[in-house]
Amino acid sequence: MIELESANHCVYKIRYHMVLCVKYRKKLLYDSDKIEFIKFICSEIEQRYSIVFDTIGTDGDHLHVFVGGPPRYSPSKIMQIIKSILAREIFKRYPEIKKQLWGGHFWSEGGYVGTVGDDVTSEIVREYINKQGIKNEPESHAQSKLIDFS
């Protein structure tokens, strides 16, 4: 379970659901040994990068990760860190896999990333922002205004 984290001058809870696809959708992540190895490598990533893995799962040709990270990393940077380290370590541990993939890349380009919240919807955020500022303050000095971009 990903809880509130803290860094210099900030507290955060930023979570993502990411899907990383094996190149050519090859079913290379099917046995428990590889899955346990991936979990081990992810625990190493946690220690080095302050990225927190909540849940990891696979359907053989892609990997789902529920992950949290500090605000200094963009979602694409978190995905890049995970993909590059996992690929390097998988190729080291299972060199026979490299022969099944043309070009030597383990993951397909891109992937999926979506933000995950705790029952905080866009409507709740809009309502919260609308309620900011002092209610008796003149309109010209209001602390915050909601701008509808739709």
Protein backbone atom coordinates (compact mmCIF):
# COMPACT_ATOMS: atom_id res chain seq x y z
CA MET A 1 0.00 0.00 0.00
CA ILE A 2 1.46 3.35 -1.05
CA GLU A 3 1.10 5.92 1.71
CA LEU A 4 2.13 9.55 2.00
CA GLU A 5 5.82 9.99 1.25
CA SER A 6 8.04 12.94 1.99
CA ALA A 7 11.01 14.58 0.37
CA ASN A 8 12.80 17.86 0.92
CA HIS A 9 10.12 20.51 1.42
CA CYS A 10 7.18 18.42 0.22
CA VAL A 11 4.80 15.60 1.04
CA TYR A 12 3.27 13.63 -1.81
CA LYS A 13 1.22 10.63 -2.86
CA ILE A 14 1.59 10.23 -6.61
CA ARG A 15 0.60 6.85 -8.02
CA TYR A 16 0.44 5.34 -11.48
CA HIS A 17 -0.79 2.21 -13.18
CA MET A 18 1.76 1.35 -15.87
CA VAL A 19 1.72 -1.38 -18.49
CA LEU A 20 5.01 -2.38 -20.11
CA CYS A 21 4.76 -4.62 -23.18
CA VAL A 22 7.40 -7.17 -24.14
CA LYS A 23 8.78 -6.52 -27.63
CA TYR A 24 6.72 -8.27 -30.30
CA ARG A 25 4.32 -9.31 -27.49
CA LYS A 26 6.45 -12.41 -26.91
CA LYS A 27 5.24 -14.41 -23.92
CA LEU A 28 8.50 -14.26 -21.97
CA LEU A 29 7.14 -13.39 -18.52
CA TYR A 30 5.23 -16.56 -17.80
CA ASP A 31 7.12 -18.52 -15.13
CA SER A 32 7.30 -17.84 -11.41
CA ASP A 33 11.12 -17.66 -11.42
CA LYS A 34 11.09 -14.66 -13.78
CA ILE A 35 8.26 -12.98 -11.88
CA GLU A 36 10.12 -13.37 -8.57
CA PHE A 37 13.28 -12.02 -10.21
CA ILE A 38 11.35 -8.99 -11.52
CA LYS A 39 9.97 -8.34 -8.03
CA PHE A 40 13.50 -8.54 -6.61
CA ILE A 41 14.84 -6.05 -9.18
CA CYS A 42 11.89 -3.73 -8.45
CA SER A 43 12.80 -3.80 -4.75
CA GLU A 44 16.32 -2.69 -5.75
CA ILE A 45 14.83 0.12 -7.85
CA GLU A 46 12.76 1.20 -4.83
CA GLN A 47 15.86 1.63 -2.70
CA ARG A 48 17.84 3.56 -5.30
CA TYR A 49 15.16 5.84 -6.77
CA SER A 50 12.52 6.21 -4.01
CA ILE A 51 9.99 4.64 -6.35
CA VAL A 52 7.47 2.50 -4.45
CA PHE A 53 5.95 -0.61 -6.02
CA ASP A 54 2.54 -1.56 -4.66
CA THR A 55 1.55 -4.41 -6.99
CA ILE A 56 3.20 -6.19 -9.92
CA GLY A 57 1.46 -8.65 -12.25
CA THR A 58 1.88 -10.18 -15.68
CA ASP A 59 -0.05 -11.94 -18.43
CA GLY A 60 3.13 -13.31 -19.98
CA ASP A 61 3.58 -10.72 -22.72
CA HIS A 62 3.19 -7.55 -20.64
CA LEU A 63 3.79 -6.34 -17.11
CA HIS A 64 1.37 -4.31 -14.96
CA VAL A 65 2.86 -2.20 -12.18
CA PHE A 66 1.07 -0.08 -9.60
CA VAL A 67 3.81 2.32 -8.60
CA GLY A 68 4.33 5.58 -6.74
CA GLY A 69 7.09 8.07 -7.24
CA PRO A 70 8.39 11.41 -6.04
CA PRO A 71 7.36 14.60 -7.86
CA ARG A 72 10.89 15.09 -9.19
CA TYR A 73 10.23 12.21 -11.65
CA SER A 74 7.75 12.52 -14.49
CA PRO A 75 5.65 9.43 -15.26
CA SER A 76 7.70 8.84 -18.42
CA LYS A 77 10.94 9.03 -16.40
CA ILE A 78 9.61 6.45 -13.91
CA MET A 79 8.66 4.17 -16.81
CA GLN A 80 12.09 4.69 -18.40
CA ILE A 81 13.87 3.81 -15.13
CA ILE A 82 11.80 0.65 -14.64
CA LYS A 83 12.05 -0.53 -18.25
CA SER A 84 15.77 0.09 -18.67
CA ILE A 85 16.86 -1.51 -15.39
CA LEU A 86 14.53 -4.51 -15.75
CA ALA A 87 15.64 -5.14 -19.35
CA ARG A 88 19.34 -4.96 -18.46
CA GLU A 89 18.96 -7.28 -15.47
CA ILE A 90 16.68 -9.76 -17.27
CA PHE A 91 19.20 -10.04 -20.15
CA LYS A 92 22.01 -10.62 -17.63
CA ARG A 93 20.12 -13.33 -15.76
CA TYR A 94 18.44 -14.95 -18.79
CA PRO A 95 20.78 -14.41 -21.78
CA GLU A 96 18.79 -16.90 -23.89
CA ILE A 97 15.92 -14.38 -24.04
CA LYS A 98 17.99 -11.97 -26.12
CA LYS A 99 18.06 -14.53 -28.94
CA GLN A 100 14.25 -14.43 -29.16
CA LEU A 101 14.12 -10.65 -29.65
CA TRP A 102 15.42 -8.95 -32.78
CA GLY A 103 17.43 -5.82 -32.15
CA GLY A 104 18.19 -6.61 -28.53
CA HIS A 105 15.32 -4.62 -26.93
CA PHE A 106 13.24 -6.31 -24.27
CA TRP A 107 10.32 -3.84 -24.11
CA SER A 108 8.21 -2.32 -26.86
CA GLU A 109 8.43 1.43 -27.21
CA GLY A 110 5.94 3.35 -25.11
CA GLY A 111 3.40 1.65 -22.90
CA TYR A 112 0.43 2.76 -20.83
CA VAL A 113 0.42 5.07 -17.84
CA GLY A 114 -2.60 6.29 -15.90
CA THR A 115 -2.85 8.20 -12.66
CA VAL A 116 -4.50 6.57 -9.67
CA GLY A 117 -6.24 8.42 -6.86
CA ASP A 118 -8.06 7.59 -3.64
CA ASP A 119 -11.64 8.34 -4.63
CA VAL A 120 -10.64 11.89 -5.54
CA THR A 121 -12.55 12.79 -8.69
CA SER A 122 -12.15 15.82 -10.91
CA GLU A 123 -15.43 17.17 -9.50
CA ILE A 124 -14.10 16.99 -5.92
CA VAL A 125 -10.94 18.85 -6.96
CA ARG A 126 -12.99 21.54 -8.76
CA GLU A 127 -15.21 21.97 -5.70
CA TYR A 128 -12.19 22.21 -3.38
CA ILE A 129 -10.51 24.83 -5.58
CA ASN A 130 -13.73 26.84 -5.79
CA LYS A 131 -13.94 26.98 -2.00
CA GLN A 132 -10.46 28.44 -1.61
CA GLY A 133 -9.94 32.05 -0.52
CA ILE A 134 -11.75 34.20 2.00
CA LYS A 135 -15.47 34.34 1.24
CA ASN A 136 -15.87 38.05 2.20
CA GLU A 137 -12.87 39.12 0.18
CA PRO A 138 -13.51 41.53 -2.71
CA GLU A 139 -13.75 39.72 -6.06
CA SER A 140 -10.59 41.42 -7.32
CA HIS A 141 -8.55 39.92 -4.45
CA ALA A 142 -9.89 36.36 -4.51
CA GLN A 143 -7.14 33.84 -3.81
CA SER A 144 -8.23 31.32 -6.38
CA LYS A 145 -10.68 31.11 -9.26
CA LEU A 146 -11.77 28.04 -11.17
CA ILE A 147 -11.11 28.32 -14.87
CA ASP A 148 -13.17 25.95 -16.95
CA PHE A 149 -11.09 24.92 -19.98
CA SER A 150 -13.76 22.72 -21.53
